[in-house]
Amino acid sequence: MSMITSLGQMKRAIRNLNPAEVRREAERELRVALVAESPARHGLMESYLRPPGLTAAKRAQAARALYRVSHAARGRESFDLELWDESLLHPERAFTFDAAHPERMVTAVLDARFDLALGLAKRFPPFRMPVIDRTIRSVAKENALFSVATALPDIVPLLSLPWVLGEFASDTAFLTMNQIRMAFLIAAASDAGVGYREQRGQIGSIVAGAFGFRAIARELVAKIPLGGGLIPKAAIAWSGTWVVGRSMERLHRLGYAYTREERKALSARLFGKGKQVVETLLRRPETA
C-alpha cells in the first residue's frame, strides 16, 4: 500500500473526530459541593483542589465550580458532585474527602463519574494525571485490540468505540485516528487548547509516526508464520500508543515532548510489557 493511499485512509478516518465535542465536555459548567461543618474543613478541601502555585486565573476558574455547603443546608441546591468531609456521614451518591488520603476521593469519583473527568481535570490539578493515565491506558488497549480484531472476530464486540470496524481499510488509519483522539483528550484534561489548529504540531508528529508503526508491524507479521505475528503486532500498537500519550502529557506538563530517539527507546523497552498486556486481553477478553 502506497503512502498516498495510506494518507487518504487516514484522512477519511480522522473525519470521525470532532474536537469541538471534547472541548464542550471539558468546558461544561460544573457545580461541586464541598460539604463540611466549619470554614477550616472547607478550606482543607479547597486547598487540595486548588493547590498553591496556580495562577490567579486558574484559581478563579476552579473557584467558580466550588460551592461551600454546610451539612444543615445540603439538599437546597443541586450539584454535579458532592464531596463530604470525612467527619460526616454522607449519602450514597456523595464521596468522602479524607484529608490524610485525598487521592482516594479522586479514584472513587473517577470510578463512578468518569463522565465528569475532563471537566474535573481541566479545573482541578489533582484530577489531571489520574484522568490522563486512564485515557492513555484505555486508548492503548483499544488500539491493541483493534490490531488483532480482523483476525479474531470475537474481539470486535468488545471494542466499545463509536465507530464500526468495516469503516477502516487499515490498522494504520484507525490507530492514527485514535491517537489523535487521545491527543485531544489529553489536551483538554491539561487545560490546553484542543483542535486541529491548536495541536497542529502534535497531530503532525502522530501522523509521521504512524508509518514507522506500519513498517515494523508488517515486518513482524511477515517473519512469523501462521499468524504468530499478531501478538507482537498488537504489542507494538499498545506500546506505540502509550508512548504517544506519555509524550503528549509531558508536552503539556513541561513544555516539551519526547525526542524521536526517546520515543524509539521507550517503545522498545515497553514492547515486552505490551505483549503481556495483549496476551492477558486475549486470555480474558472480558477485561477489554
C-alpha atoms as a PDB file:
ATOM      1  CA  MET A   1       0.000   0.000   0.000  1.00  0.00           C
ATOM      2  CA  SER A   2       1.423   3.363  -1.022  1.00  0.00           C
ATOM      3  CA  MET A   3       1.956   6.280   1.326  1.00  0.00           C
ATOM      4  CA  ILE A   4      -0.564   8.321  -0.691  1.00  0.00           C
ATOM      5  CA  THR A   5      -3.198   5.630  -0.242  1.00  0.00           C
ATOM      6  CA  SER A   6      -2.458   5.414   3.485  1.00  0.00           C
ATOM      7  CA  LEU A   7      -2.730   9.164   3.877  1.00  0.00           C
ATOM      8  CA  GLY A   8      -6.089   9.073   2.129  1.00  0.00           C
ATOM      9  CA  GLN A   9      -7.324   6.399   4.515  1.00  0.00           C
ATOM     10  CA  MET A  10      -6.095   8.414   7.497  1.00  0.00           C
ATOM     11  CA  LYS A  11      -7.909  11.486   6.226  1.00  0.00           C
ATOM     12  CA  ARG A  12     -11.167   9.565   5.939  1.00  0.00           C
ATOM     13  CA  ALA A  13     -10.698   8.048   9.382  1.00  0.00           C
ATOM     14  CA  ILE A  14      -9.944  11.389  11.007  1.00  0.00           C
ATOM     15  CA  ARG A  15     -13.273  12.720   9.737  1.00  0.00           C
ATOM     16  CA  ASN A  16     -14.813  10.684  12.557  1.00  0.00           C
ATOM     17  CA  LEU A  17     -13.180  13.038  15.056  1.00  0.00           C
ATOM     18  CA  ASN A  18     -14.767  16.230  16.292  1.00  0.00           C
ATOM     19  CA  PRO A  19     -12.535  18.160  18.724  1.00  0.00           C
ATOM     20  CA  ALA A  20     -15.428  20.531  19.433  1.00  0.00           C
ATOM     21  CA  GLU A  21     -17.166  17.706  21.304  1.00  0.00           C
ATOM     22  CA  VAL A  22     -14.094  17.246  23.503  1.00  0.00           C
ATOM     23  CA  ARG A  23     -13.951  20.988  24.194  1.00  0.00           C
ATOM     24  CA  ARG A  24     -17.614  21.083  25.136  1.00  0.00           C
ATOM     25  CA  GLU A  25     -17.189  18.173  27.522  1.00  0.00           C
ATOM     26  CA  ALA A  26     -14.209  19.835  29.224  1.00  0.00           C
ATOM     27  CA  GLU A  27     -15.795  23.285  29.372  1.00  0.00           C
ATOM     28  CA  ARG A  28     -19.261  22.303  30.559  1.00  0.00           C
ATOM     29  CA  GLU A  29     -20.247  24.124  33.716  1.00  0.00           C
ATOM     30  CA  LEU A  30     -19.634  22.126  36.879  1.00  0.00           C
ATOM     31  CA  ARG A  31     -21.163  22.572  40.304  1.00  0.00           C
ATOM     32  CA  VAL A  32     -19.150  20.796  43.003  1.00  0.00           C
ATOM     33  CA  ALA A  33     -20.441  20.945  46.569  1.00  0.00           C
ATOM     34  CA  LEU A  34     -17.933  20.880  49.427  1.00  0.00           C
ATOM     35  CA  VAL A  35     -19.941  19.727  52.419  1.00  0.00           C
ATOM     36  CA  ALA A  36     -18.344  20.402  55.810  1.00  0.00           C
ATOM     37  CA  GLU A  37     -19.197  21.882  59.174  1.00  0.00           C
ATOM     38  CA  SER A  38     -16.512  24.541  59.555  1.00  0.00           C
ATOM     39  CA  PRO A  39     -14.596  27.049  57.419  1.00  0.00           C
ATOM     40  CA  ALA A  40     -11.384  25.240  58.340  1.00  0.00           C
ATOM     41  CA  ARG A  41     -12.641  21.940  56.920  1.00  0.00           C
ATOM     42  CA  HIS A  42     -13.930  23.689  53.822  1.00  0.00           C
ATOM     43  CA  GLY A  43     -10.522  25.290  53.498  1.00  0.00           C
ATOM     44  CA  LEU A  44      -8.754  21.927  53.552  1.00  0.00           C
ATOM     45  CA  MET A  45     -10.889  20.691  50.695  1.00  0.00           C
ATOM     46  CA  GLU A  46     -10.393  23.836  48.662  1.00  0.00           C
ATOM     47  CA  SER A  47      -6.644  23.819  49.229  1.00  0.00           C
ATOM     48  CA  TYR A  48      -6.412  20.307  47.842  1.00  0.00           C
ATOM     49  CA  LEU A  49      -8.481  21.092  44.770  1.00  0.00           C
ATOM     50  CA  ARG A  50      -6.800  24.490  44.231  1.00  0.00           C
ATOM     51  CA  PRO A  51      -3.201  23.872  45.303  1.00  0.00           C
ATOM     52  CA  PRO A  52      -0.649  26.666  45.777  1.00  0.00           C
ATOM     53  CA  GLY A  53       1.145  27.610  42.620  1.00  0.00           C
ATOM     54  CA  LEU A  54      -1.886  28.040  40.398  1.00  0.00           C
ATOM     55  CA  THR A  55      -2.132  31.350  38.615  1.00  0.00           C
ATOM     56  CA  ALA A  56      -4.828  33.759  39.700  1.00  0.00           C
ATOM     57  CA  ALA A  57      -6.807  32.946  36.567  1.00  0.00           C
ATOM     58  CA  LYS A  58      -6.622  29.204  37.189  1.00  0.00           C
ATOM     59  CA  ARG A  59      -7.597  29.642  40.829  1.00  0.00           C
ATOM     60  CA  ALA A  60     -10.585  31.696  39.762  1.00  0.00           C
ATOM     61  CA  GLN A  61     -11.561  29.068  37.187  1.00  0.00           C
ATOM     62  CA  ALA A  62     -11.522  26.381  39.856  1.00  0.00           C
ATOM     63  CA  ALA A  63     -13.317  28.560  42.408  1.00  0.00           C
ATOM     64  CA  ARG A  64     -16.266  29.144  40.068  1.00  0.00           C
ATOM     65  CA  ALA A  65     -17.062  25.426  40.205  1.00  0.00           C
ATOM     66  CA  LEU A  66     -16.836  25.078  44.011  1.00  0.00           C
ATOM     67  CA  TYR A  67     -19.636  25.740  46.499  1.00  0.00           C
ATOM     68  CA  ARG A  68     -19.235  25.658  50.269  1.00  0.00           C
ATOM     69  CA  VAL A  69     -22.221  23.895  51.782  1.00  0.00           C
ATOM     70  CA  SER A  70     -22.998  23.148  55.407  1.00  0.00           C
ATOM     71  CA  HIS A  71     -24.499  19.858  56.441  1.00  0.00           C
ATOM     72  CA  ALA A  72     -27.651  21.643  57.553  1.00  0.00           C
ATOM     73  CA  ALA A  73     -28.037  23.414  54.198  1.00  0.00           C
ATOM     74  CA  ARG A  74     -27.438  20.404  51.938  1.00  0.00           C
ATOM     75  CA  GLY A  75     -30.298  19.444  49.644  1.00  0.00           C
ATOM     76  CA  ARG A  76     -31.369  23.004  48.935  1.00  0.00           C
ATOM     77  CA  GLU A  77     -29.481  23.078  45.639  1.00  0.00           C
ATOM     78  CA  SER A  78     -28.479  20.515  43.054  1.00  0.00           C
ATOM     79  CA  PHE A  79     -24.861  19.724  42.242  1.00  0.00           C
ATOM     80  CA  ASP A  80     -22.986  17.597  39.733  1.00  0.00           C
ATOM     81  CA  LEU A  81     -20.784  16.261  42.516  1.00  0.00           C
ATOM     82  CA  GLU A  82     -20.848  16.298  46.305  1.00  0.00           C
ATOM     83  CA  LEU A  83     -17.628  15.925  48.294  1.00  0.00           C
ATOM     84  CA  TRP A  84     -18.203  15.409  52.006  1.00  0.00           C
ATOM     85  CA  ASP A  85     -15.782  15.911  54.838  1.00  0.00           C
ATOM     86  CA  GLU A  86     -14.733  12.613  56.418  1.00  0.00           C
ATOM     87  CA  SER A  87     -16.321  13.576  59.751  1.00  0.00           C
ATOM     88  CA  LEU A  88     -19.804  13.468  58.227  1.00  0.00           C
ATOM     89  CA  LEU A  89     -21.940  10.508  57.259  1.00  0.00           C
ATOM     90  CA  HIS A  90     -22.684  11.125  53.603  1.00  0.00           C
ATOM     91  CA  PRO A  91     -25.423   9.838  51.282  1.00  0.00           C
ATOM     92  CA  GLU A  92     -24.610   7.066  48.828  1.00  0.00           C
ATOM     93  CA  ARG A  93     -24.221   9.357  45.815  1.00  0.00           C
ATOM     94  CA  ALA A  94     -21.617  11.551  47.552  1.00  0.00           C
ATOM     95  CA  PHE A  95     -17.888  10.994  48.064  1.00  0.00           C
ATOM     96  CA  THR A  96     -15.750  11.207  51.192  1.00  0.00           C
ATOM     97  CA  PHE A  97     -12.870  13.656  51.396  1.00  0.00           C
ATOM     98  CA  ASP A  98     -10.211  12.231  53.713  1.00  0.00           C
ATOM     99  CA  ALA A  99      -7.586  14.918  54.312  1.00  0.00           C
ATOM    100  CA  ALA A 100      -4.950  12.255  55.066  1.00  0.00           C
ATOM    101  CA  HIS A 101      -5.643  10.359  51.826  1.00  0.00           C
ATOM    102  CA  PRO A 102      -7.374  12.764  49.421  1.00  0.00           C
ATOM    103  CA  GLU A 103      -6.283  10.736  46.382  1.00  0.00           C
ATOM    104  CA  ARG A 104      -8.804   8.073  47.410  1.00  0.00           C
ATOM    105  CA  MET A 105     -11.587  10.554  46.749  1.00  0.00           C
ATOM    106  CA  VAL A 106     -10.199  11.219  43.243  1.00  0.00           C
ATOM    107  CA  THR A 107     -10.137   7.497  42.462  1.00  0.00           C
ATOM    108  CA  ALA A 108     -13.668   6.958  43.781  1.00  0.00           C
ATOM    109  CA  VAL A 109     -15.050   9.892  41.793  1.00  0.00           C
ATOM    110  CA  LEU A 110     -13.433   8.748  38.534  1.00  0.00           C
ATOM    111  CA  ASP A 111     -14.598   5.172  39.073  1.00  0.00           C
ATOM    112  CA  ALA A 112     -18.204   6.328  39.459  1.00  0.00           C
ATOM    113  CA  ARG A 113     -18.407   9.549  37.425  1.00  0.00           C
ATOM    114  CA  PHE A 114     -15.955   9.384  34.546  1.00  0.00           C
ATOM    115  CA  ASP A 115     -18.457  11.422  32.550  1.00  0.00           C
ATOM    116  CA  LEU A 116     -17.171  14.419  34.568  1.00  0.00           C
ATOM    117  CA  ALA A 117     -13.496  13.506  34.124  1.00  0.00           C
ATOM    118  CA  LEU A 118     -12.436  16.123  31.564  1.00  0.00           C
ATOM    119  CA  GLY A 119     -14.170  18.974  33.360  1.00  0.00           C
ATOM    120  CA  LEU A 120     -12.654  17.968  36.690  1.00  0.00           C
ATOM    121  CA  ALA A 121      -9.158  17.538  35.262  1.00  0.00           C
ATOM    122  CA  LYS A 122      -9.312  20.876  33.466  1.00  0.00           C
ATOM    123  CA  ARG A 123     -10.188  22.755  36.660  1.00  0.00           C
ATOM    124  CA  PHE A 124      -8.599  20.752  39.464  1.00  0.00           C
ATOM    125  CA  PRO A 125      -4.933  19.612  39.209  1.00  0.00           C
ATOM    126  CA  PRO A 126      -5.321  16.547  41.494  1.00  0.00           C
ATOM    127  CA  PHE A 127      -7.638  15.005  38.892  1.00  0.00           C
ATOM    128  CA  ARG A 128      -5.372  15.749  35.934  1.00  0.00           C
ATOM    129  CA  MET A 129      -2.824  12.942  35.989  1.00  0.00           C
ATOM    130  CA  PRO A 130      -5.317  10.229  37.006  1.00  0.00           C
ATOM    131  CA  VAL A 131      -7.593  11.213  34.106  1.00  0.00           C
ATOM    132  CA  ILE A 132      -4.693  11.274  31.652  1.00  0.00           C
ATOM    133  CA  ASP A 133      -3.429   7.913  32.945  1.00  0.00           C
ATOM    134  CA  ARG A 134      -6.829   6.319  32.421  1.00  0.00           C
ATOM    135  CA  THR A 135      -7.161   7.870  28.980  1.00  0.00           C
ATOM    136  CA  ILE A 136      -3.783   6.553  27.827  1.00  0.00           C
ATOM    137  CA  ARG A 137      -4.470   3.060  29.179  1.00  0.00           C
ATOM    138  CA  SER A 138      -7.879   2.952  27.536  1.00  0.00           C
ATOM    139  CA  VAL A 139      -6.761   4.115  24.101  1.00  0.00           C
ATOM    140  CA  ALA A 140      -3.651   1.912  24.124  1.00  0.00           C
ATOM    141  CA  LYS A 141      -5.854  -1.093  24.894  1.00  0.00           C
ATOM    142  CA  GLU A 142      -8.333  -0.163  22.159  1.00  0.00           C
ATOM    143  CA  ASN A 143      -5.525   0.077  19.624  1.00  0.00           C
ATOM    144  CA  ALA A 144      -4.017  -3.247  20.679  1.00  0.00           C
ATOM    145  CA  LEU A 145      -7.385  -4.964  20.370  1.00  0.00           C
ATOM    146  CA  PHE A 146      -8.138  -3.381  17.024  1.00  0.00           C
ATOM    147  CA  SER A 147      -4.838  -4.548  15.595  1.00  0.00           C
ATOM    148  CA  VAL A 148      -5.936  -8.176  16.024  1.00  0.00           C
ATOM    149  CA  ALA A 149      -9.698  -7.703  15.564  1.00  0.00           C
ATOM    150  CA  THR A 150      -9.757  -8.564  11.868  1.00  0.00           C
ATOM    151  CA  ALA A 151      -8.066 -11.911  12.561  1.00  0.00           C
ATOM    152  CA  LEU A 152     -10.057 -12.637  15.740  1.00  0.00           C
ATOM    153  CA  PRO A 153     -13.654 -11.537  15.032  1.00  0.00           C
ATOM    154  CA  ASP A 154     -14.832 -12.460  18.546  1.00  0.00           C
ATOM    155  CA  ILE A 155     -12.878  -9.441  19.813  1.00  0.00           C
ATOM    156  CA  VAL A 156     -14.855  -6.948  17.720  1.00  0.00           C
ATOM    157  CA  PRO A 157     -17.910  -6.705  20.040  1.00  0.00           C
ATOM    158  CA  LEU A 158     -15.552  -5.855  22.904  1.00  0.00           C
ATOM    159  CA  LEU A 159     -14.382  -2.660  21.225  1.00  0.00           C
ATOM    160  CA  SER A 160     -16.575  -0.062  22.923  1.00  0.00           C
ATOM    161  CA  LEU A 161     -15.987   2.541  20.243  1.00  0.00           C
ATOM    162  CA  PRO A 162     -18.482   4.797  18.450  1.00  0.00           C
ATOM    163  CA  TRP A 163     -17.423   3.534  15.036  1.00  0.00           C
ATOM    164  CA  VAL A 164     -17.563   0.311  13.057  1.00  0.00           C
ATOM    165  CA  LEU A 165     -14.650  -1.954  12.157  1.00  0.00           C
ATOM    166  CA  GLY A 166     -15.591  -2.046   8.489  1.00  0.00           C
ATOM    167  CA  GLU A 167     -15.172   1.711   8.137  1.00  0.00           C
ATOM    168  CA  PHE A 168     -11.384   1.398   8.248  1.00  0.00           C
ATOM    169  CA  ALA A 169      -9.249  -0.022   5.472  1.00  0.00           C
ATOM    170  CA  SER A 170      -6.128  -0.427   7.584  1.00  0.00           C
ATOM    171  CA  ASP A 171      -4.827  -0.657  11.120  1.00  0.00           C
ATOM    172  CA  THR A 172      -2.678   2.378  10.454  1.00  0.00           C
ATOM    173  CA  ALA A 173      -5.680   4.612   9.735  1.00  0.00           C
ATOM    174  CA  PHE A 174      -7.552   3.504  12.847  1.00  0.00           C
ATOM    175  CA  LEU A 175      -4.566   3.690  15.183  1.00  0.00           C
ATOM    176  CA  THR A 176      -3.630   7.136  13.908  1.00  0.00           C
ATOM    177  CA  MET A 177      -7.164   8.441  14.311  1.00  0.00           C
ATOM    178  CA  ASN A 178      -7.439   7.010  17.817  1.00  0.00           C
ATOM    179  CA  GLN A 179      -4.096   8.519  18.854  1.00  0.00           C
ATOM    180  CA  ILE A 180      -5.249  11.915  17.600  1.00  0.00           C
ATOM    181  CA  ARG A 181      -8.451  11.493  19.629  1.00  0.00           C
ATOM    182  CA  MET A 182      -6.246  10.712  22.631  1.00  0.00           C
ATOM    183  CA  ALA A 183      -4.230  13.882  21.958  1.00  0.00           C
ATOM    184  CA  PHE A 184      -7.450  15.920  22.072  1.00  0.00           C
ATOM    185  CA  LEU A 185      -8.483  14.301  25.366  1.00  0.00           C
ATOM    186  CA  ILE A 186      -5.074  14.828  26.986  1.00  0.00           C
ATOM    187  CA  ALA A 187      -5.006  18.469  25.924  1.00  0.00           C
ATOM    188  CA  ALA A 188      -8.484  19.026  27.353  1.00  0.00           C
ATOM    189  CA  ALA A 189      -7.544  17.358  30.647  1.00  0.00           C
ATOM    190  CA  SER A 190      -4.399  19.531  30.749  1.00  0.00           C
ATOM    191  CA  ASP A 191      -6.437  22.730  30.337  1.00  0.00           C
ATOM    192  CA  ALA A 192      -4.736  23.388  26.991  1.00  0.00           C
ATOM    193  CA  GLY A 193      -6.051  24.274  23.543  1.00  0.00           C
ATOM    194  CA  VAL A 194      -7.951  21.488  21.778  1.00  0.00           C
ATOM    195  CA  GLY A 195      -8.274  21.202  17.998  1.00  0.00           C
ATOM    196  CA  TYR A 196      -6.539  20.672  14.693  1.00  0.00           C
ATOM    197  CA  ARG A 197      -5.142  24.204  14.583  1.00  0.00           C
ATOM    198  CA  GLU A 198      -4.193  24.339  18.256  1.00  0.00           C
ATOM    199  CA  GLN A 199      -2.465  20.933  18.106  1.00  0.00           C
ATOM    200  CA  ARG A 200      -1.099  21.051  14.588  1.00  0.00           C
ATOM    201  CA  GLY A 201       2.427  20.022  15.628  1.00  0.00           C
ATOM    202  CA  GLN A 202       1.208  17.166  17.824  1.00  0.00           C
ATOM    203  CA  ILE A 203      -1.027  15.787  15.079  1.00  0.00           C
ATOM    204  CA  GLY A 204       1.770  16.032  12.519  1.00  0.00           C
ATOM    205  CA  SER A 205       4.026  14.041  14.822  1.00  0.00           C
ATOM    206  CA  ILE A 206       1.367  11.331  15.269  1.00  0.00           C
ATOM    207  CA  VAL A 207       0.781  11.018  11.521  1.00  0.00           C
ATOM    208  CA  ALA A 208       4.516  10.807  10.826  1.00  0.00           C
ATOM    209  CA  GLY A 209       4.973   8.143  13.496  1.00  0.00           C
ATOM    210  CA  ALA A 210       2.176   6.042  12.037  1.00  0.00           C
ATOM    211  CA  PHE A 211       4.289   4.996   9.071  1.00  0.00           C
ATOM    212  CA  GLY A 212       7.020   3.747  11.372  1.00  0.00           C
ATOM    213  CA  PHE A 213       4.459   1.580  13.163  1.00  0.00           C
ATOM    214  CA  ARG A 214       3.164   0.219   9.856  1.00  0.00           C
ATOM    215  CA  ALA A 215       6.636  -0.787   8.664  1.00  0.00           C
ATOM    216  CA  ILE A 216       7.618  -2.505  11.931  1.00  0.00           C
ATOM    217  CA  ALA A 217       4.279  -4.315  12.259  1.00  0.00           C
ATOM    218  CA  ARG A 218       4.378  -5.565   8.653  1.00  0.00           C
ATOM    219  CA  GLU A 219       7.904  -6.869   9.149  1.00  0.00           C
ATOM    220  CA  LEU A 220       6.921  -8.787  12.283  1.00  0.00           C
ATOM    221  CA  VAL A 221       3.870 -10.402  10.710  1.00  0.00           C
ATOM    222  CA  ALA A 222       5.844 -11.381   7.618  1.00  0.00           C
ATOM    223  CA  LYS A 223       8.592 -13.075   9.633  1.00  0.00           C
ATOM    224  CA  ILE A 224       6.368 -15.079  11.999  1.00  0.00           C
ATOM    225  CA  PRO A 225       4.271 -17.751  10.267  1.00  0.00           C
ATOM    226  CA  LEU A 226       0.685 -18.883  10.856  1.00  0.00           C
ATOM    227  CA  GLY A 227      -0.499 -15.661  12.422  1.00  0.00           C
ATOM    228  CA  GLY A 228       2.138 -15.781  15.141  1.00  0.00           C
ATOM    229  CA  GLY A 229       2.902 -12.137  14.489  1.00  0.00           C
ATOM    230  CA  LEU A 230      -0.485 -10.968  15.741  1.00  0.00           C
ATOM    231  CA  ILE A 231       0.585 -10.568  19.363  1.00  0.00           C
ATOM    232  CA  PRO A 232       3.821  -8.702  18.526  1.00  0.00           C
ATOM    233  CA  LYS A 233       1.865  -6.505  16.114  1.00  0.00           C
ATOM    234  CA  ALA A 234      -0.709  -5.679  18.797  1.00  0.00           C
ATOM    235  CA  ALA A 235       2.089  -5.135  21.322  1.00  0.00           C
ATOM    236  CA  ILE A 236       3.584  -2.512  19.009  1.00  0.00           C
ATOM    237  CA  ALA A 237       0.169  -0.836  18.751  1.00  0.00           C
ATOM    238  CA  TRP A 238      -0.095  -0.796  22.551  1.00  0.00           C
ATOM    239  CA  SER A 239       3.442   0.433  23.251  1.00  0.00           C
ATOM    240  CA  GLY A 240       3.398   2.977  20.434  1.00  0.00           C
ATOM    241  CA  THR A 241       0.129   4.456  21.652  1.00  0.00           C
ATOM    242  CA  TRP A 242       1.350   4.503  25.251  1.00  0.00           C
ATOM    243  CA  VAL A 243       4.494   6.398  24.237  1.00  0.00           C
ATOM    244  CA  VAL A 244       2.476   8.904  22.186  1.00  0.00           C
ATOM    245  CA  GLY A 245       0.205   9.515  25.173  1.00  0.00           C
ATOM    246  CA  ARG A 246       3.074   9.970  27.621  1.00  0.00           C
ATOM    247  CA  SER A 247       4.822  12.284  25.209  1.00  0.00           C
ATOM    248  CA  MET A 248       1.688  14.446  24.934  1.00  0.00           C
ATOM    249  CA  GLU A 249       1.300  14.520  28.714  1.00  0.00           C
ATOM    250  CA  ARG A 250       4.918  15.620  29.104  1.00  0.00           C
ATOM    251  CA  LEU A 251       4.453  18.302  26.468  1.00  0.00           C
ATOM    252  CA  HIS A 252       1.561  19.880  28.352  1.00  0.00           C
ATOM    253  CA  ARG A 253       3.174  19.474  31.762  1.00  0.00           C
ATOM    254  CA  LEU A 254       6.756  20.511  30.996  1.00  0.00           C
ATOM    255  CA  GLY A 255       6.523  22.259  27.646  1.00  0.00           C
ATOM    256  CA  TYR A 256       8.419  19.683  25.596  1.00  0.00           C
ATOM    257  CA  ALA A 257       7.655  16.159  24.342  1.00  0.00           C
ATOM    258  CA  TYR A 258       9.902  13.124  23.965  1.00  0.00           C
ATOM    259  CA  THR A 259      12.502  13.354  21.236  1.00  0.00           C
ATOM    260  CA  ARG A 260      12.410  10.885  18.362  1.00  0.00           C
ATOM    261  CA  GLU A 261      15.254   8.946  19.971  1.00  0.00           C
ATOM    262  CA  GLU A 262      13.484   8.874  23.343  1.00  0.00           C
ATOM    263  CA  ARG A 263      10.257   7.640  21.756  1.00  0.00           C
ATOM    264  CA  LYS A 264      12.089   4.872  19.910  1.00  0.00           C
ATOM    265  CA  ALA A 265      13.982   3.730  23.005  1.00  0.00           C
ATOM    266  CA  LEU A 266      10.891   3.828  25.218  1.00  0.00           C
ATOM    267  CA  SER A 267       8.827   1.886  22.679  1.00  0.00           C
ATOM    268  CA  ALA A 268      11.498  -0.819  22.576  1.00  0.00           C
ATOM    269  CA  ARG A 269      11.560  -1.061  26.383  1.00  0.00           C
ATOM    270  CA  LEU A 270       7.773  -1.326  26.529  1.00  0.00           C
ATOM    271  CA  PHE A 271       7.410  -3.948  23.814  1.00  0.00           C
ATOM    272  CA  GLY A 272       7.671  -6.829  26.292  1.00  0.00           C
ATOM    273  CA  LYS A 273       5.053  -5.294  28.552  1.00  0.00           C
ATOM    274  CA  GLY A 274       2.857  -4.748  25.515  1.00  0.00           C
ATOM    275  CA  LYS A 275       2.990  -8.459  24.706  1.00  0.00           C
ATOM    276  CA  GLN A 276       1.954  -9.281  28.272  1.00  0.00           C
ATOM    277  CA  VAL A 277      -0.963  -6.848  28.075  1.00  0.00           C
ATOM    278  CA  VAL A 278      -2.173  -8.302  24.770  1.00  0.00           C
ATOM    279  CA  GLU A 279      -1.826 -11.896  25.961  1.00  0.00           C
ATOM    280  CA  THR A 280      -3.846 -11.042  29.059  1.00  0.00           C
ATOM    281  CA  LEU A 281      -6.551  -9.383  26.988  1.00  0.00           C
ATOM    282  CA  LEU A 282      -6.803 -12.374  24.684  1.00  0.00           C
ATOM    283  CA  ARG A 283      -6.966 -14.823  27.599  1.00  0.00           C
ATOM    284  CA  ARG A 284      -9.512 -12.728  29.457  1.00  0.00           C
ATOM    285  CA  PRO A 285     -11.366 -10.681  26.825  1.00  0.00           C
ATOM    286  CA  GLU A 286     -13.928  -9.568  29.393  1.00  0.00           C
ATOM    287  CA  THR A 287     -11.283  -7.154  30.690  1.00  0.00           C
ATOM    288  CA  ALA A 288     -11.353  -5.242  27.412  1.00  0.00           C
END
